[in-house]
Amino acid sequence: MAELKITAANFENEVLNSDKPVLLDFYADWCGPCKMLAPVVHEIAEENAGTLKVGKINVDEQMELAMRFQVSSIPMLVVFKDGKAVAKSVGYRPKAEITAMVESAK
């Protein structure tokens, strides 16, 4: 399953009420490091299709969510489990670091 586009409208349903951990990628189309991170996030989504939900949030389109999570720099990854943010990283991270962050939430 590919990444889900998360908006204020579907956030509660897809993230807060998810029965599995959720990795959220806060990004913008103009952001260089975000573009570098996108294929890594996509790979993680593919490899963990049954056990993890991966969502992308465009901070330019979803200002409300960006403010709610105090996104001050992007890319920002947040892992949710049982409706709560349990891990967070800012900036480009190698795949191994992101995978470790996700594993700790499973």
PDB file of N, CA and C in Angstrom:
ATOM      1  N   MET A   1       0.839  -1.193   0.000  1.00  0.00           N
ATOM      2  CA  MET A   1       0.000   0.000   0.000  1.00  0.00           C
ATOM      3  C   MET A   1       0.875   1.246   0.000  1.00  0.00           C
ATOM      4  N   ALA A   2       0.572   2.161  -0.856  1.00  0.00           N
ATOM      5  CA  ALA A   2       1.352   3.391  -0.923  1.00  0.00           C
ATOM      6  C   ALA A   2       0.991   4.309   0.251  1.00  0.00           C
ATOM      7  N   GLU A   3       1.672   5.413   0.318  1.00  0.00           N
ATOM      8  CA  GLU A   3       1.417   6.364   1.392  1.00  0.00           C
ATOM      9  C   GLU A   3       0.036   7.000   1.231  1.00  0.00           C
ATOM     10  N   LEU A   4      -0.569   7.316   2.355  1.00  0.00           N
ATOM     11  CA  LEU A   4      -1.868   7.989   2.354  1.00  0.00           C
ATOM     12  C   LEU A   4      -1.648   9.492   2.402  1.00  0.00           C
ATOM     13  N   LYS A   5      -2.526  10.223   1.737  1.00  0.00           N
ATOM     14  CA  LYS A   5      -2.474  11.671   1.855  1.00  0.00           C
ATOM     15  C   LYS A   5      -3.330  12.035   3.068  1.00  0.00           C
ATOM     16  N   ILE A   6      -2.693  12.600   4.078  1.00  0.00           N
ATOM     17  CA  ILE A   6      -3.398  12.925   5.316  1.00  0.00           C
ATOM     18  C   ILE A   6      -3.782  14.404   5.311  1.00  0.00           C
ATOM     19  N   THR A   7      -5.040  14.651   5.641  1.00  0.00           N
ATOM     20  CA  THR A   7      -5.541  16.027   5.712  1.00  0.00           C
ATOM     21  C   THR A   7      -6.219  16.211   7.060  1.00  0.00           C
ATOM     22  N   ALA A   8      -6.583  17.445   7.365  1.00  0.00           N
ATOM     23  CA  ALA A   8      -7.302  17.707   8.612  1.00  0.00           C
ATOM     24  C   ALA A   8      -8.594  16.894   8.644  1.00  0.00           C
ATOM     25  N   ALA A   9      -9.189  16.684   7.467  1.00  0.00           N
ATOM     26  CA  ALA A   9     -10.463  15.973   7.375  1.00  0.00           C
ATOM     27  C   ALA A   9     -10.350  14.489   7.726  1.00  0.00           C
ATOM     28  N   ASN A  10      -9.257  13.832   7.322  1.00  0.00           N
ATOM     29  CA  ASN A  10      -9.153  12.392   7.586  1.00  0.00           C
ATOM     30  C   ASN A  10      -8.153  12.045   8.692  1.00  0.00           C
ATOM     31  N   PHE A  11      -7.552  13.053   9.299  1.00  0.00           N
ATOM     32  CA  PHE A  11      -6.513  12.819  10.309  1.00  0.00           C
ATOM     33  C   PHE A  11      -6.979  11.939  11.458  1.00  0.00           C
ATOM     34  N   GLU A  12      -8.108  12.294  12.026  1.00  0.00           N
ATOM     35  CA  GLU A  12      -8.591  11.548  13.195  1.00  0.00           C
ATOM     36  C   GLU A  12      -8.837  10.084  12.847  1.00  0.00           C
ATOM     37  N   ASN A  13      -9.508   9.865  11.719  1.00  0.00           N
ATOM     38  CA  ASN A  13      -9.836   8.515  11.306  1.00  0.00           C
ATOM     39  C   ASN A  13      -8.597   7.697  10.954  1.00  0.00           C
ATOM     40  N   GLU A  14      -7.697   8.267  10.136  1.00  0.00           N
ATOM     41  CA  GLU A  14      -6.541   7.521   9.637  1.00  0.00           C
ATOM     42  C   GLU A  14      -5.396   7.404  10.646  1.00  0.00           C
ATOM     43  N   VAL A  15      -5.229   8.417  11.499  1.00  0.00           N
ATOM     44  CA  VAL A  15      -4.080   8.432  12.401  1.00  0.00           C
ATOM     45  C   VAL A  15      -4.480   8.121  13.844  1.00  0.00           C
ATOM     46  N   LEU A  16      -5.357   8.935  14.410  1.00  0.00           N
ATOM     47  CA  LEU A  16      -5.709   8.770  15.823  1.00  0.00           C
ATOM     48  C   LEU A  16      -6.458   7.470  16.094  1.00  0.00           C
ATOM     49  N   ASN A  17      -7.298   7.048  15.155  1.00  0.00           N
ATOM     50  CA  ASN A  17      -8.070   5.823  15.356  1.00  0.00           C
ATOM     51  C   ASN A  17      -7.474   4.614  14.646  1.00  0.00           C
ATOM     52  N   SER A  18      -6.230   4.712  14.220  1.00  0.00           N
ATOM     53  CA  SER A  18      -5.602   3.612  13.490  1.00  0.00           C
ATOM     54  C   SER A  18      -5.340   2.427  14.420  1.00  0.00           C
ATOM     55  N   ASP A  19      -5.542   1.227  13.889  1.00  0.00           N
ATOM     56  CA  ASP A  19      -5.294   0.025  14.692  1.00  0.00           C
ATOM     57  C   ASP A  19      -3.835  -0.410  14.612  1.00  0.00           C
ATOM     58  N   LYS A  20      -3.031   0.288  13.823  1.00  0.00           N
ATOM     59  CA  LYS A  20      -1.597  -0.010  13.772  1.00  0.00           C
ATOM     60  C   LYS A  20      -0.805   1.300  13.860  1.00  0.00           C
ATOM     61  N   PRO A  21       0.497   1.215  14.142  1.00  0.00           N
ATOM     62  CA  PRO A  21       1.287   2.449  14.223  1.00  0.00           C
ATOM     63  C   PRO A  21       1.245   3.214  12.895  1.00  0.00           C
ATOM     64  N   VAL A  22       1.413   4.529  12.983  1.00  0.00           N
ATOM     65  CA  VAL A  22       1.366   5.385  11.804  1.00  0.00           C
ATOM     66  C   VAL A  22       2.642   6.226  11.758  1.00  0.00           C
ATOM     67  N   LEU A  23       3.304   6.214  10.596  1.00  0.00           N
ATOM     68  CA  LEU A  23       4.457   7.079  10.371  1.00  0.00           C
ATOM     69  C   LEU A  23       3.971   8.243   9.531  1.00  0.00           C
ATOM     70  N   LEU A  24       4.086   9.454  10.061  1.00  0.00           N
ATOM     71  CA  LEU A  24       3.657  10.639   9.320  1.00  0.00           C
ATOM     72  C   LEU A  24       4.860  11.407   8.822  1.00  0.00           C
ATOM     73  N   ASP A  25       4.820  11.782   7.570  1.00  0.00           N
ATOM     74  CA  ASP A  25       5.884  12.576   6.955  1.00  0.00           C
ATOM     75  C   ASP A  25       5.326  13.966   6.658  1.00  0.00           C
ATOM     76  N   PHE A  26       5.773  14.965   7.440  1.00  0.00           N
ATOM     77  CA  PHE A  26       5.403  16.362   7.173  1.00  0.00           C
ATOM     78  C   PHE A  26       6.403  16.891   6.162  1.00  0.00           C
ATOM     79  N   TYR A  27       5.913  17.353   5.002  1.00  0.00           N
ATOM     80  CA  TYR A  27       6.811  17.754   3.920  1.00  0.00           C
ATOM     81  C   TYR A  27       6.230  18.945   3.144  1.00  0.00           C
ATOM     82  N   ALA A  28       7.038  19.443   2.204  1.00  0.00           N
ATOM     83  CA  ALA A  28       6.553  20.437   1.240  1.00  0.00           C
ATOM     84  C   ALA A  28       7.185  20.116  -0.108  1.00  0.00           C
ATOM     85  N   ASP A  29       6.473  20.449  -1.182  1.00  0.00           N
ATOM     86  CA  ASP A  29       6.965  20.132  -2.532  1.00  0.00           C
ATOM     87  C   ASP A  29       8.267  20.838  -2.875  1.00  0.00           C
ATOM     88  N   TRP A  30       8.503  22.018  -2.275  1.00  0.00           N
ATOM     89  CA  TRP A  30       9.690  22.808  -2.612  1.00  0.00           C
ATOM     90  C   TRP A  30      10.910  22.450  -1.757  1.00  0.00           C
ATOM     91  N   CYS A  31      10.748  21.531  -0.822  1.00  0.00           N
ATOM     92  CA  CYS A  31      11.798  21.233   0.157  1.00  0.00           C
ATOM     93  C   CYS A  31      12.752  20.150  -0.354  1.00  0.00           C
ATOM     94  N   GLY A  32      14.022  20.493  -0.527  1.00  0.00           N
ATOM     95  CA  GLY A  32      15.038  19.563  -1.038  1.00  0.00           C
ATOM     96  C   GLY A  32      15.187  18.304  -0.197  1.00  0.00           C
ATOM     97  N   PRO A  33      15.453  18.448   1.118  1.00  0.00           N
ATOM     98  CA  PRO A  33      15.593  17.251   1.959  1.00  0.00           C
ATOM     99  C   PRO A  33      14.326  16.386   1.962  1.00  0.00           C
ATOM    100  N   CYS A  34      13.156  17.023   1.808  1.00  0.00           N
ATOM    101  CA  CYS A  34      11.900  16.259   1.753  1.00  0.00           C
ATOM    102  C   CYS A  34      11.897  15.355   0.525  1.00  0.00           C
ATOM    103  N   LYS A  35      12.392  15.888  -0.587  1.00  0.00           N
ATOM    104  CA  LYS A  35      12.436  15.116  -1.831  1.00  0.00           C
ATOM    105  C   LYS A  35      13.408  13.947  -1.696  1.00  0.00           C
ATOM    106  N   MET A  36      14.517  14.181  -0.954  1.00  0.00           N
ATOM    107  CA  MET A  36      15.487  13.104  -0.723  1.00  0.00           C
ATOM    108  C   MET A  36      14.886  12.016   0.169  1.00  0.00           C
ATOM    109  N   LEU A  37      14.052  12.428   1.092  1.00  0.00           N
ATOM    110  CA  LEU A  37      13.470  11.497   2.058  1.00  0.00           C
ATOM    111  C   LEU A  37      12.303  10.698   1.470  1.00  0.00           C
ATOM    112  N   ALA A  38      11.603  11.273   0.486  1.00  0.00           N
ATOM    113  CA  ALA A  38      10.397  10.650  -0.066  1.00  0.00           C
ATOM    114  C   ALA A  38      10.584   9.190  -0.489  1.00  0.00           C
ATOM    115  N   PRO A  39      11.630   8.850  -1.270  1.00  0.00           N
ATOM    116  CA  PRO A  39      11.786   7.441  -1.666  1.00  0.00           C
ATOM    117  C   PRO A  39      12.066   6.523  -0.470  1.00  0.00           C
ATOM    118  N   VAL A  40      12.739   7.044   0.553  1.00  0.00           N
ATOM    119  CA  VAL A  40      13.032   6.252   1.751  1.00  0.00           C
ATOM    120  C   VAL A  40      11.725   5.936   2.479  1.00  0.00           C
ATOM    121  N   VAL A  41      10.880   6.960   2.631  1.00  0.00           N
ATOM    122  CA  VAL A  41       9.585   6.786   3.290  1.00  0.00           C
ATOM    123  C   VAL A  41       8.723   5.803   2.487  1.00  0.00           C
ATOM    124  N   HIS A  42       8.784   5.913   1.167  1.00  0.00           N
ATOM    125  CA  HIS A  42       8.018   5.023   0.296  1.00  0.00           C
ATOM    126  C   HIS A  42       8.459   3.568   0.489  1.00  0.00           C
ATOM    127  N   GLU A  43       9.775   3.346   0.565  1.00  0.00           N
ATOM    128  CA  GLU A  43      10.320   2.003   0.774  1.00  0.00           C
ATOM    129  C   GLU A  43       9.831   1.424   2.097  1.00  0.00           C
ATOM    130  N   ILE A  44       9.873   2.238   3.139  1.00  0.00           N
ATOM    131  CA  ILE A  44       9.425   1.795   4.456  1.00  0.00           C
ATOM    132  C   ILE A  44       7.935   1.430   4.404  1.00  0.00           C
ATOM    133  N   ALA A  45       7.158   2.233   3.670  1.00  0.00           N
ATOM    134  CA  ALA A  45       5.725   1.963   3.519  1.00  0.00           C
ATOM    135  C   ALA A  45       5.503   0.609   2.844  1.00  0.00           C
ATOM    136  N   GLU A  46       6.280   0.342   1.795  1.00  0.00           N
ATOM    137  CA  GLU A  46       6.144  -0.917   1.055  1.00  0.00           C
ATOM    138  C   GLU A  46       6.535  -2.115   1.923  1.00  0.00           C
ATOM    139  N   GLU A  47       7.666  -1.977   2.635  1.00  0.00           N
ATOM    140  CA  GLU A  47       8.200  -3.091   3.409  1.00  0.00           C
ATOM    141  C   GLU A  47       7.361  -3.418   4.642  1.00  0.00           C
ATOM    142  N   ASN A  48       6.621  -2.424   5.150  1.00  0.00           N
ATOM    143  CA  ASN A  48       5.837  -2.633   6.369  1.00  0.00           C
ATOM    144  C   ASN A  48       4.338  -2.551   6.108  1.00  0.00           C
ATOM    145  N   ALA A  49       3.952  -2.880   4.866  1.00  0.00           N
ATOM    146  CA  ALA A  49       2.562  -2.690   4.434  1.00  0.00           C
ATOM    147  C   ALA A  49       1.520  -3.265   5.394  1.00  0.00           C
ATOM    148  N   GLY A  50       1.778  -4.428   5.973  1.00  0.00           N
ATOM    149  CA  GLY A  50       0.777  -5.038   6.829  1.00  0.00           C
ATOM    150  C   GLY A  50       0.757  -4.543   8.267  1.00  0.00           C
ATOM    151  N   THR A  51       1.871  -3.941   8.699  1.00  0.00           N
ATOM    152  CA  THR A  51       2.004  -3.612  10.125  1.00  0.00           C
ATOM    153  C   THR A  51       2.112  -2.127  10.410  1.00  0.00           C
ATOM    154  N   LEU A  52       2.204  -1.320   9.359  1.00  0.00           N
ATOM    155  CA  LEU A  52       2.414   0.110   9.549  1.00  0.00           C
ATOM    156  C   LEU A  52       1.630   0.898   8.512  1.00  0.00           C
ATOM    157  N   LYS A  53       1.085   2.017   8.955  1.00  0.00           N
ATOM    158  CA  LYS A  53       0.398   2.915   8.033  1.00  0.00           C
ATOM    159  C   LYS A  53       1.330   4.112   7.826  1.00  0.00           C
ATOM    160  N   VAL A  54       1.497   4.552   6.595  1.00  0.00           N
ATOM    161  CA  VAL A  54       2.375   5.690   6.326  1.00  0.00           C
ATOM    162  C   VAL A  54       1.565   6.807   5.681  1.00  0.00           C
ATOM    163  N   GLY A  55       1.647   7.990   6.271  1.00  0.00           N
ATOM    164  CA  GLY A  55       0.900   9.129   5.762  1.00  0.00           C
ATOM    165  C   GLY A  55       1.810  10.295   5.435  1.00  0.00           C
ATOM    166  N   LYS A  56       1.413  11.066   4.430  1.00  0.00           N
ATOM    167  CA  LYS A  56       2.174  12.256   4.040  1.00  0.00           C
ATOM    168  C   LYS A  56       1.296  13.478   4.291  1.00  0.00           C
ATOM    169  N   ILE A  57       1.881  14.490   4.901  1.00  0.00           N
ATOM    170  CA  ILE A  57       1.142  15.724   5.152  1.00  0.00           C
ATOM    171  C   ILE A  57       1.898  16.883   4.516  1.00  0.00           C
ATOM    172  N   ASN A  58       1.272  17.500   3.521  1.00  0.00           N
ATOM    173  CA  ASN A  58       1.867  18.661   2.865  1.00  0.00           C
ATOM    174  C   ASN A  58       1.607  19.873   3.764  1.00  0.00           C
ATOM    175  N   VAL A  59       2.678  20.427   4.358  1.00  0.00           N
ATOM    176  CA  VAL A  59       2.496  21.511   5.335  1.00  0.00           C
ATOM    177  C   VAL A  59       1.947  22.793   4.699  1.00  0.00           C
ATOM    178  N   ASP A  60       2.170  22.966   3.401  1.00  0.00           N
ATOM    179  CA  ASP A  60       1.628  24.153   2.728  1.00  0.00           C
ATOM    180  C   ASP A  60       0.103  24.058   2.585  1.00  0.00           C
ATOM    181  N   GLU A  61      -0.392  22.840   2.393  1.00  0.00           N
ATOM    182  CA  GLU A  61      -1.829  22.639   2.229  1.00  0.00           C
ATOM    183  C   GLU A  61      -2.539  22.409   3.562  1.00  0.00           C
ATOM    184  N   GLN A  62      -1.808  21.886   4.537  1.00  0.00           N
ATOM    185  CA  GLN A  62      -2.411  21.519   5.823  1.00  0.00           C
ATOM    186  C   GLN A  62      -1.791  22.322   6.968  1.00  0.00           C
ATOM    187  N   MET A  63      -1.941  23.638   6.880  1.00  0.00           N
ATOM    188  CA  MET A  63      -1.365  24.544   7.885  1.00  0.00           C
ATOM    189  C   MET A  63      -1.843  24.198   9.302  1.00  0.00           C
ATOM    190  N   GLU A  64      -3.109  23.845   9.403  1.00  0.00           N
ATOM    191  CA  GLU A  64      -3.698  23.551  10.708  1.00  0.00           C
ATOM    192  C   GLU A  64      -2.970  22.384  11.395  1.00  0.00           C
ATOM    193  N   LEU A  65      -2.713  21.313  10.646  1.00  0.00           N
ATOM    194  CA  LEU A  65      -1.999  20.163  11.211  1.00  0.00           C
ATOM    195  C   LEU A  65      -0.546  20.518  11.504  1.00  0.00           C
ATOM    196  N   ALA A  66       0.060  21.308  10.619  1.00  0.00           N
ATOM    197  CA  ALA A  66       1.451  21.710  10.832  1.00  0.00           C
ATOM    198  C   ALA A  66       1.577  22.519  12.124  1.00  0.00           C
ATOM    199  N   MET A  67       0.613  23.404  12.369  1.00  0.00           N
ATOM    200  CA  MET A  67       0.641  24.199  13.600  1.00  0.00           C
ATOM    201  C   MET A  67       0.347  23.328  14.815  1.00  0.00           C
ATOM    202  N   ARG A  68      -0.590  22.416  14.666  1.00  0.00           N
ATOM    203  CA  ARG A  68      -0.963  21.534  15.778  1.00  0.00           C
ATOM    204  C   ARG A  68       0.234  20.732  16.286  1.00  0.00           C
ATOM    205  N   PHE A  69       1.114  20.337  15.361  1.00  0.00           N
ATOM    206  CA  PHE A  69       2.287  19.545  15.760  1.00  0.00           C
ATOM    207  C   PHE A  69       3.562  20.377  15.797  1.00  0.00           C
ATOM    208  N   GLN A  70       3.395  21.691  15.795  1.00  0.00           N
ATOM    209  CA  GLN A  70       4.517  22.627  15.916  1.00  0.00           C
ATOM    210  C   GLN A  70       5.665  22.280  14.965  1.00  0.00           C
ATOM    211  N   VAL A  71       5.307  22.115  13.708  1.00  0.00           N
ATOM    212  CA  VAL A  71       6.307  21.797  12.697  1.00  0.00           C
ATOM    213  C   VAL A  71       7.062  23.085  12.386  1.00  0.00           C
ATOM    214  N   SER A  72       8.320  23.135  12.839  1.00  0.00           N
ATOM    215  CA  SER A  72       9.098  24.348  12.594  1.00  0.00           C
ATOM    216  C   SER A  72      10.091  24.152  11.459  1.00  0.00           C
ATOM    217  N   SER A  73      10.488  22.904  11.232  1.00  0.00           N
ATOM    218  CA  SER A  73      11.322  22.642  10.066  1.00  0.00           C
ATOM    219  C   SER A  73      10.942  21.287   9.494  1.00  0.00           C
ATOM    220  N   ILE A  74      11.170  21.146   8.206  1.00  0.00           N
ATOM    221  CA  ILE A  74      10.781  19.925   7.515  1.00  0.00           C
ATOM    222  C   ILE A  74      11.995  19.363   6.777  1.00  0.00           C
ATOM    223  N   PRO A  75      12.015  18.091   6.445  1.00  0.00           N
ATOM    224  CA  PRO A  75      10.988  17.112   6.759  1.00  0.00           C
ATOM    225  C   PRO A  75      10.946  16.777   8.255  1.00  0.00           C
ATOM    226  N   MET A  76       9.745  16.487   8.730  1.00  0.00           N
ATOM    227  CA  MET A  76       9.575  16.040  10.109  1.00  0.00           C
ATOM    228  C   MET A  76       8.771  14.754  10.084  1.00  0.00           C
ATOM    229  N   LEU A  77       9.303  13.729  10.725  1.00  0.00           N
ATOM    230  CA  LEU A  77       8.622  12.445  10.806  1.00  0.00           C
ATOM    231  C   LEU A  77       8.110  12.249  12.221  1.00  0.00           C
ATOM    232  N   VAL A  78       6.865  11.808  12.334  1.00  0.00           N
ATOM    233  CA  VAL A  78       6.281  11.526  13.642  1.00  0.00           C
ATOM    234  C   VAL A  78       5.651  10.145  13.591  1.00  0.00           C
ATOM    235  N   VAL A  79       5.941   9.339  14.615  1.00  0.00           N
ATOM    236  CA  VAL A  79       5.335   8.010  14.710  1.00  0.00           C
ATOM    237  C   VAL A  79       4.230   8.068  15.756  1.00  0.00           C
ATOM    238  N   PHE A  80       3.046   7.618  15.362  1.00  0.00           N
ATOM    239  CA  PHE A  80       1.900   7.570  16.269  1.00  0.00           C
ATOM    240  C   PHE A  80       1.597   6.127  16.611  1.00  0.00           C
ATOM    241  N   LYS A  81       1.247   5.903  17.876  1.00  0.00           N
ATOM    242  CA  LYS A  81       0.784   4.581  18.294  1.00  0.00           C
ATOM    243  C   LYS A  81      -0.369   4.813  19.255  1.00  0.00           C
ATOM    244  N   ASP A  82      -1.474   4.123  18.996  1.00  0.00           N
ATOM    245  CA  ASP A  82      -2.672   4.268  19.827  1.00  0.00           C
ATOM    246  C   ASP A  82      -3.098   5.729  19.962  1.00  0.00           C
ATOM    247  N   GLY A  83      -2.972   6.481  18.876  1.00  0.00           N
ATOM    248  CA  GLY A  83      -3.434   7.866  18.866  1.00  0.00           C
ATOM    249  C   GLY A  83      -2.495   8.872  19.508  1.00  0.00           C
ATOM    250  N   LYS A  84      -1.305   8.430  19.918  1.00  0.00           N
ATOM    251  CA  LYS A  84      -0.361   9.357  20.554  1.00  0.00           C
ATOM    252  C   LYS A  84       0.951   9.385  19.789  1.00  0.00           C
ATOM    253  N   ALA A  85       1.562  10.561  19.729  1.00  0.00           N
ATOM    254  CA  ALA A  85       2.877  10.686  19.099  1.00  0.00           C
ATOM    255  C   ALA A  85       3.902  10.068  20.048  1.00  0.00           C
ATOM    256  N   VAL A  86       4.629   9.044  19.577  1.00  0.00           N
ATOM    257  CA  VAL A  86       5.586   8.361  20.445  1.00  0.00           C
ATOM    258  C   VAL A  86       7.041   8.577  20.023  1.00  0.00           C
ATOM    259  N   ALA A  87       7.250   9.083  18.811  1.00  0.00           N
ATOM    260  CA  ALA A  87       8.614   9.343  18.352  1.00  0.00           C
ATOM    261  C   ALA A  87       8.567  10.427  17.287  1.00  0.00           C
ATOM    262  N   LYS A  88       9.672  11.172  17.196  1.00  0.00           N
ATOM    263  CA  LYS A  88       9.698  12.291  16.253  1.00  0.00           C
ATOM    264  C   LYS A  88      11.134  12.543  15.803  1.00  0.00           C
ATOM    265  N   SER A  89      11.320  12.874  14.538  1.00  0.00           N
ATOM    266  CA  SER A  89      12.645  13.285  14.076  1.00  0.00           C
ATOM    267  C   SER A  89      12.478  14.407  13.057  1.00  0.00           C
ATOM    268  N   VAL A  90      13.456  15.295  13.057  1.00  0.00           N
ATOM    269  CA  VAL A  90      13.407  16.438  12.146  1.00  0.00           C
ATOM    270  C   VAL A  90      14.625  16.385  11.240  1.00  0.00           C
ATOM    271  N   GLY A  91      14.400  16.665   9.959  1.00  0.00           N
ATOM    272  CA  GLY A  91      15.496  16.663   9.003  1.00  0.00           C
ATOM    273  C   GLY A  91      15.637  15.300   8.333  1.00  0.00           C
ATOM    274  N   TYR A  92      16.539  15.232   7.363  1.00  0.00           N
ATOM    275  CA  TYR A  92      16.756  13.979   6.650  1.00  0.00           C
ATOM    276  C   TYR A  92      17.409  12.969   7.592  1.00  0.00           C
ATOM    277  N   ARG A  93      16.912  11.764   7.587  1.00  0.00           N
ATOM    278  CA  ARG A  93      17.477  10.683   8.388  1.00  0.00           C
ATOM    279  C   ARG A  93      17.689   9.474   7.492  1.00  0.00           C
ATOM    280  N   PRO A  94      18.773   8.730   7.740  1.00  0.00           N
ATOM    281  CA  PRO A  94      18.960   7.499   6.956  1.00  0.00           C
ATOM    282  C   PRO A  94      17.860   6.490   7.276  1.00  0.00           C
ATOM    283  N   LYS A  95      17.629   5.590   6.332  1.00  0.00           N
ATOM    284  CA  LYS A  95      16.554   4.618   6.454  1.00  0.00           C
ATOM    285  C   LYS A  95      16.650   3.812   7.753  1.00  0.00           C
ATOM    286  N   ALA A  96      17.853   3.417   8.133  1.00  0.00           N
ATOM    287  CA  ALA A  96      18.029   2.597   9.338  1.00  0.00           C
ATOM    288  C   ALA A  96      17.502   3.313  10.578  1.00  0.00           C
ATOM    289  N   GLU A  97      17.734   4.609  10.668  1.00  0.00           N
ATOM    290  CA  GLU A  97      17.265   5.384  11.821  1.00  0.00           C
ATOM    291  C   GLU A  97      15.735   5.450  11.852  1.00  0.00           C
ATOM    292  N   ILE A  98      15.139   5.668  10.682  1.00  0.00           N
ATOM    293  CA  ILE A  98      13.676   5.765  10.598  1.00  0.00           C
ATOM    294  C   ILE A  98      13.060   4.398  10.939  1.00  0.00           C
ATOM    295  N   THR A  99      13.668   3.330  10.400  1.00  0.00           N
ATOM    296  CA  THR A  99      13.173   1.978  10.662  1.00  0.00           C
ATOM    297  C   THR A  99      13.230   1.678  12.158  1.00  0.00           C
ATOM    298  N   ALA A 100      14.320   2.062  12.815  1.00  0.00           N
ATOM    299  CA  ALA A 100      14.469   1.826  14.252  1.00  0.00           C
ATOM    300  C   ALA A 100      13.382   2.584  15.024  1.00  0.00           C
ATOM    301  N   MET A 101      13.104   3.814  14.575  1.00  0.00           N
ATOM    302  CA  MET A 101      12.091   4.648  15.218  1.00  0.00           C
ATOM    303  C   MET A 101      10.719   3.976  15.097  1.00  0.00           C
ATOM    304  N   VAL A 102      10.441   3.440  13.903  1.00  0.00           N
ATOM    305  CA  VAL A 102       9.164   2.777  13.642  1.00  0.00           C
ATOM    306  C   VAL A 102       9.061   1.478  14.452  1.00  0.00           C
ATOM    307  N   GLU A 103      10.147   0.700  14.478  1.00  0.00           N
ATOM    308  CA  GLU A 103      10.141  -0.585  15.201  1.00  0.00           C
ATOM    309  C   GLU A 103       9.849  -0.385  16.674  1.00  0.00           C
ATOM    310  N   SER A 104      10.359   0.706  17.251  1.00  0.00           N
ATOM    311  CA  SER A 104      10.171   0.943  18.681  1.00  0.00           C
ATOM    312  C   SER A 104       8.692   1.197  19.009  1.00  0.00           C
ATOM    313  N   ALA A 105       7.902   1.534  17.991  1.00  0.00           N
ATOM    314  CA  ALA A 105       6.485   1.832  18.217  1.00  0.00           C
ATOM    315  C   ALA A 105       5.579   0.630  17.987  1.00  0.00           C
ATOM    316  N   LYS A 106       6.123  -0.442  17.424  1.00  0.00           N
ATOM    317  CA  LYS A 106       5.269  -1.590  17.090  1.00  0.00           C
ATOM    318  C   LYS A 106       4.915  -2.404  18.327  1.00  0.00           C
TER     319      LYS A 106
END
